[in-house]
Amino acid sequence: MILSKSCEYAIRASVFVAMKSKEHNRVGIGEVSEAIGSPRAFTAKILQTLVRKNILSSAKGPSGGFYLENADSLYLIDIVSATDGNGLFVSCVLGLRACSETQPCPVHARVKPIRDQLLTEFSNKPISDFVADLEKGKYHLK
């Protein structure tokens, strides 16, 4: 596992909410929780974090719920940054504080290209593409 559990579920929740938003629907915590296989309280916390970080939007009231307005301009990198920060792309895998290009750790040169590739991949495919793939049955959320 390279992403935190919160980030994994945040990605799943964002894709599900984006899919429902495409149909002009808002979804509640219970529906998201069921769709992504996450406990309700944990899902509520994740959704609130995503709203606070301007990834998702929410509305209160009888027709309220969570929704996404910008699935074409939201990328995995946005969700990862909002939930886990950028450590995956910059922190030393051995936990050394001084690891850098000029003072590399023993595995720095082997890990850096993988990190760079992850950053590129996470930055190039919008959530709307994941929704399209989900609708085609290419993958599942739980």
C-alpha atoms as a PDB file:
ATOM      1  CA  MET A   1       0.000   0.000   0.000  1.00  0.00           C
ATOM      2  CA  ILE A   2       1.515   3.329  -1.023  1.00  0.00           C
ATOM      3  CA  LEU A   3      -1.506   5.499  -0.244  1.00  0.00           C
ATOM      4  CA  SER A   4      -3.163   5.890   3.139  1.00  0.00           C
ATOM      5  CA  LYS A   5      -6.537   4.213   3.702  1.00  0.00           C
ATOM      6  CA  SER A   6      -8.092   7.678   3.829  1.00  0.00           C
ATOM      7  CA  CYS A   7      -6.647   8.510   0.428  1.00  0.00           C
ATOM      8  CA  GLU A   8      -7.732   5.198  -1.093  1.00  0.00           C
ATOM      9  CA  TYR A   9     -11.302   5.755   0.062  1.00  0.00           C
ATOM     10  CA  ALA A  10     -11.187   9.437  -0.905  1.00  0.00           C
ATOM     11  CA  ILE A  11     -10.362   8.427  -4.476  1.00  0.00           C
ATOM     12  CA  ARG A  12     -13.150   5.838  -4.522  1.00  0.00           C
ATOM     13  CA  ALA A  13     -15.629   8.311  -3.042  1.00  0.00           C
ATOM     14  CA  SER A  14     -14.639  11.031  -5.517  1.00  0.00           C
ATOM     15  CA  VAL A  15     -15.116   8.720  -8.492  1.00  0.00           C
ATOM     16  CA  PHE A  16     -18.507   7.561  -7.189  1.00  0.00           C
ATOM     17  CA  VAL A  17     -19.690  11.109  -6.457  1.00  0.00           C
ATOM     18  CA  ALA A  18     -18.446  12.213  -9.893  1.00  0.00           C
ATOM     19  CA  MET A  19     -20.417   9.406 -11.537  1.00  0.00           C
ATOM     20  CA  LYS A  20     -23.601  10.423  -9.718  1.00  0.00           C
ATOM     21  CA  SER A  21     -22.964  14.105 -10.404  1.00  0.00           C
ATOM     22  CA  LYS A  22     -22.694  13.331 -14.110  1.00  0.00           C
ATOM     23  CA  GLU A  23     -26.336  12.191 -13.814  1.00  0.00           C
ATOM     24  CA  HIS A  24     -27.118  15.475 -11.977  1.00  0.00           C
ATOM     25  CA  ASN A  25     -27.615  13.653  -8.678  1.00  0.00           C
ATOM     26  CA  ARG A  26     -26.334  14.471  -5.229  1.00  0.00           C
ATOM     27  CA  VAL A  27     -25.503  11.598  -2.922  1.00  0.00           C
ATOM     28  CA  GLY A  28     -25.636  11.122   0.816  1.00  0.00           C
ATOM     29  CA  ILE A  29     -23.067   9.606   3.116  1.00  0.00           C
ATOM     30  CA  GLY A  30     -24.914   6.289   3.332  1.00  0.00           C
ATOM     31  CA  GLU A  31     -25.017   5.820  -0.427  1.00  0.00           C
ATOM     32  CA  VAL A  32     -21.323   6.653  -0.811  1.00  0.00           C
ATOM     33  CA  SER A  33     -20.402   4.408   2.113  1.00  0.00           C
ATOM     34  CA  GLU A  34     -22.279   1.472   0.591  1.00  0.00           C
ATOM     35  CA  ALA A  35     -20.882   2.059  -2.900  1.00  0.00           C
ATOM     36  CA  ILE A  36     -17.227   2.138  -1.827  1.00  0.00           C
ATOM     37  CA  GLY A  37     -17.389  -0.417   0.989  1.00  0.00           C
ATOM     38  CA  SER A  38     -16.363   1.960   3.744  1.00  0.00           C
ATOM     39  CA  PRO A  39     -17.788   2.388   7.264  1.00  0.00           C
ATOM     40  CA  ARG A  40     -20.287   5.248   7.423  1.00  0.00           C
ATOM     41  CA  ALA A  41     -18.431   7.319  10.051  1.00  0.00           C
ATOM     42  CA  PHE A  42     -15.135   6.954   8.182  1.00  0.00           C
ATOM     43  CA  THR A  43     -16.843   7.913   4.918  1.00  0.00           C
ATOM     44  CA  ALA A  44     -18.383  10.990   6.556  1.00  0.00           C
ATOM     45  CA  LYS A  45     -14.948  12.116   7.719  1.00  0.00           C
ATOM     46  CA  ILE A  46     -13.442  11.588   4.271  1.00  0.00           C
ATOM     47  CA  LEU A  47     -16.256  13.452   2.510  1.00  0.00           C
ATOM     48  CA  GLN A  48     -15.962  16.401   4.897  1.00  0.00           C
ATOM     49  CA  THR A  49     -12.216  16.550   4.262  1.00  0.00           C
ATOM     50  CA  LEU A  50     -12.830  16.549   0.505  1.00  0.00           C
ATOM     51  CA  VAL A  51     -15.357  19.370   0.874  1.00  0.00           C
ATOM     52  CA  ARG A  52     -12.996  21.371   3.110  1.00  0.00           C
ATOM     53  CA  LYS A  53     -10.212  20.932   0.527  1.00  0.00           C
ATOM     54  CA  ASN A  54     -12.536  22.027  -2.326  1.00  0.00           C
ATOM     55  CA  ILE A  55     -12.462  18.649  -4.063  1.00  0.00           C
ATOM     56  CA  LEU A  56     -16.204  17.989  -3.601  1.00  0.00           C
ATOM     57  CA  SER A  57     -19.133  20.268  -2.845  1.00  0.00           C
ATOM     58  CA  SER A  58     -22.054  19.673  -0.543  1.00  0.00           C
ATOM     59  CA  ALA A  59     -25.528  21.064  -0.098  1.00  0.00           C
ATOM     60  CA  LYS A  60     -27.836  20.776   2.887  1.00  0.00           C
ATOM     61  CA  GLY A  61     -31.553  20.178   2.911  1.00  0.00           C
ATOM     62  CA  PRO A  62     -34.016  17.739   1.367  1.00  0.00           C
ATOM     63  CA  SER A  63     -32.285  17.747  -2.021  1.00  0.00           C
ATOM     64  CA  GLY A  64     -28.821  18.023  -0.499  1.00  0.00           C
ATOM     65  CA  GLY A  65     -25.829  15.748  -0.607  1.00  0.00           C
ATOM     66  CA  PHE A  66     -22.366  15.614  -2.086  1.00  0.00           C
ATOM     67  CA  TYR A  67     -21.568  16.444  -5.678  1.00  0.00           C
ATOM     68  CA  LEU A  68     -18.707  17.262  -8.018  1.00  0.00           C
ATOM     69  CA  GLU A  69     -18.846  20.067 -10.522  1.00  0.00           C
ATOM     70  CA  ASN A  70     -15.440  19.702 -12.169  1.00  0.00           C
ATOM     71  CA  ALA A  71     -14.746  16.035 -12.987  1.00  0.00           C
ATOM     72  CA  ASP A  72     -12.902  17.081 -16.158  1.00  0.00           C
ATOM     73  CA  SER A  73     -10.455  19.237 -14.226  1.00  0.00           C
ATOM     74  CA  LEU A  74     -10.006  17.066 -11.129  1.00  0.00           C
ATOM     75  CA  TYR A  75      -7.077  14.642 -11.141  1.00  0.00           C
ATOM     76  CA  LEU A  76      -5.849  11.918  -8.799  1.00  0.00           C
ATOM     77  CA  ILE A  77      -2.980  14.184  -7.790  1.00  0.00           C
ATOM     78  CA  ASP A  78      -5.526  16.679  -6.415  1.00  0.00           C
ATOM     79  CA  ILE A  79      -7.131  14.050  -4.194  1.00  0.00           C
ATOM     80  CA  VAL A  80      -3.805  12.568  -3.078  1.00  0.00           C
ATOM     81  CA  SER A  81      -2.469  16.031  -2.220  1.00  0.00           C
ATOM     82  CA  ALA A  82      -5.639  16.935  -0.320  1.00  0.00           C
ATOM     83  CA  THR A  83      -5.613  13.776   1.785  1.00  0.00           C
ATOM     84  CA  ASP A  84      -1.981  12.613   2.051  1.00  0.00           C
ATOM     85  CA  GLY A  85       0.022  15.672   1.034  1.00  0.00           C
ATOM     86  CA  ASN A  86       2.927  15.347  -1.379  1.00  0.00           C
ATOM     87  CA  GLY A  87       5.101  13.006   0.701  1.00  0.00           C
ATOM     88  CA  LEU A  88       4.594  10.115  -1.701  1.00  0.00           C
ATOM     89  CA  PHE A  89       6.412  12.137  -4.343  1.00  0.00           C
ATOM     90  CA  VAL A  90       9.151  13.782  -2.273  1.00  0.00           C
ATOM     91  CA  SER A  91       9.830  11.933   1.005  1.00  0.00           C
ATOM     92  CA  CYS A  92      12.680   9.489   1.372  1.00  0.00           C
ATOM     93  CA  VAL A  93      11.453   5.884   1.334  1.00  0.00           C
ATOM     94  CA  LEU A  94      13.965   5.097   4.077  1.00  0.00           C
ATOM     95  CA  GLY A  95      12.715   8.010   6.165  1.00  0.00           C
ATOM     96  CA  LEU A  96      15.949   9.984   5.992  1.00  0.00           C
ATOM     97  CA  ARG A  97      15.447  13.724   6.371  1.00  0.00           C
ATOM     98  CA  ALA A  98      18.601  14.667   4.506  1.00  0.00           C
ATOM     99  CA  CYS A  99      17.884  12.545   1.422  1.00  0.00           C
ATOM    100  CA  SER A 100      18.031  14.655  -1.733  1.00  0.00           C
ATOM    101  CA  GLU A 101      19.539  14.754  -5.214  1.00  0.00           C
ATOM    102  CA  THR A 102      22.815  15.998  -3.727  1.00  0.00           C
ATOM    103  CA  GLN A 103      22.731  13.722  -0.639  1.00  0.00           C
ATOM    104  CA  PRO A 104      20.896  10.593  -1.816  1.00  0.00           C
ATOM    105  CA  CYS A 105      20.022   7.606   0.343  1.00  0.00           C
ATOM    106  CA  PRO A 106      21.058   4.127  -0.886  1.00  0.00           C
ATOM    107  CA  VAL A 107      17.811   3.616  -2.859  1.00  0.00           C
ATOM    108  CA  HIS A 108      17.153   7.193  -4.007  1.00  0.00           C
ATOM    109  CA  ALA A 109      18.273   6.648  -7.614  1.00  0.00           C
ATOM    110  CA  ARG A 110      16.072   3.549  -7.965  1.00  0.00           C
ATOM    111  CA  VAL A 111      12.970   5.084  -6.390  1.00  0.00           C
ATOM    112  CA  LYS A 112      13.027   8.541  -7.989  1.00  0.00           C
ATOM    113  CA  PRO A 113      12.025   7.376 -11.510  1.00  0.00           C
ATOM    114  CA  ILE A 114       9.129   5.403 -10.037  1.00  0.00           C
ATOM    115  CA  ARG A 115       7.996   8.437  -8.060  1.00  0.00           C
ATOM    116  CA  ASP A 116       8.270  10.656 -11.107  1.00  0.00           C
ATOM    117  CA  GLN A 117       6.188   8.168 -13.123  1.00  0.00           C
ATOM    118  CA  LEU A 118       3.528   8.060 -10.370  1.00  0.00           C
ATOM    119  CA  LEU A 119       3.373  11.846 -10.299  1.00  0.00           C
ATOM    120  CA  THR A 120       2.958  11.931 -14.077  1.00  0.00           C
ATOM    121  CA  GLU A 121       0.264   9.241 -14.063  1.00  0.00           C
ATOM    122  CA  PHE A 122      -1.651  10.833 -11.179  1.00  0.00           C
ATOM    123  CA  SER A 123      -1.545  14.199 -12.972  1.00  0.00           C
ATOM    124  CA  ASN A 124      -2.663  13.122 -16.458  1.00  0.00           C
ATOM    125  CA  LYS A 125      -6.030  11.394 -16.199  1.00  0.00           C
ATOM    126  CA  PRO A 126      -9.062  13.365 -14.995  1.00  0.00           C
ATOM    127  CA  ILE A 127     -11.636  11.792 -12.690  1.00  0.00           C
ATOM    128  CA  SER A 128     -14.134  11.953 -15.562  1.00  0.00           C
ATOM    129  CA  ASP A 129     -12.016   9.333 -17.368  1.00  0.00           C
ATOM    130  CA  PHE A 130     -12.203   7.063 -14.318  1.00  0.00           C
ATOM    131  CA  VAL A 131     -15.986   7.513 -14.297  1.00  0.00           C
ATOM    132  CA  ALA A 132     -16.176   6.519 -17.968  1.00  0.00           C
ATOM    133  CA  ASP A 133     -14.053   3.424 -17.272  1.00  0.00           C
ATOM    134  CA  LEU A 134     -16.218   2.539 -14.264  1.00  0.00           C
ATOM    135  CA  GLU A 135     -19.374   2.814 -16.350  1.00  0.00           C
ATOM    136  CA  LYS A 136     -17.815   0.495 -18.946  1.00  0.00           C
ATOM    137  CA  GLY A 137     -17.216  -2.071 -16.197  1.00  0.00           C
ATOM    138  CA  LYS A 138     -13.422  -1.828 -16.355  1.00  0.00           C
ATOM    139  CA  TYR A 139     -13.185  -1.792 -12.570  1.00  0.00           C
ATOM    140  CA  HIS A 140     -15.165  -1.627  -9.336  1.00  0.00           C
ATOM    141  CA  LEU A 141     -15.082   0.554  -6.225  1.00  0.00           C
ATOM    142  CA  LYS A 142     -15.305  -2.018  -3.447  1.00  0.00           C
END
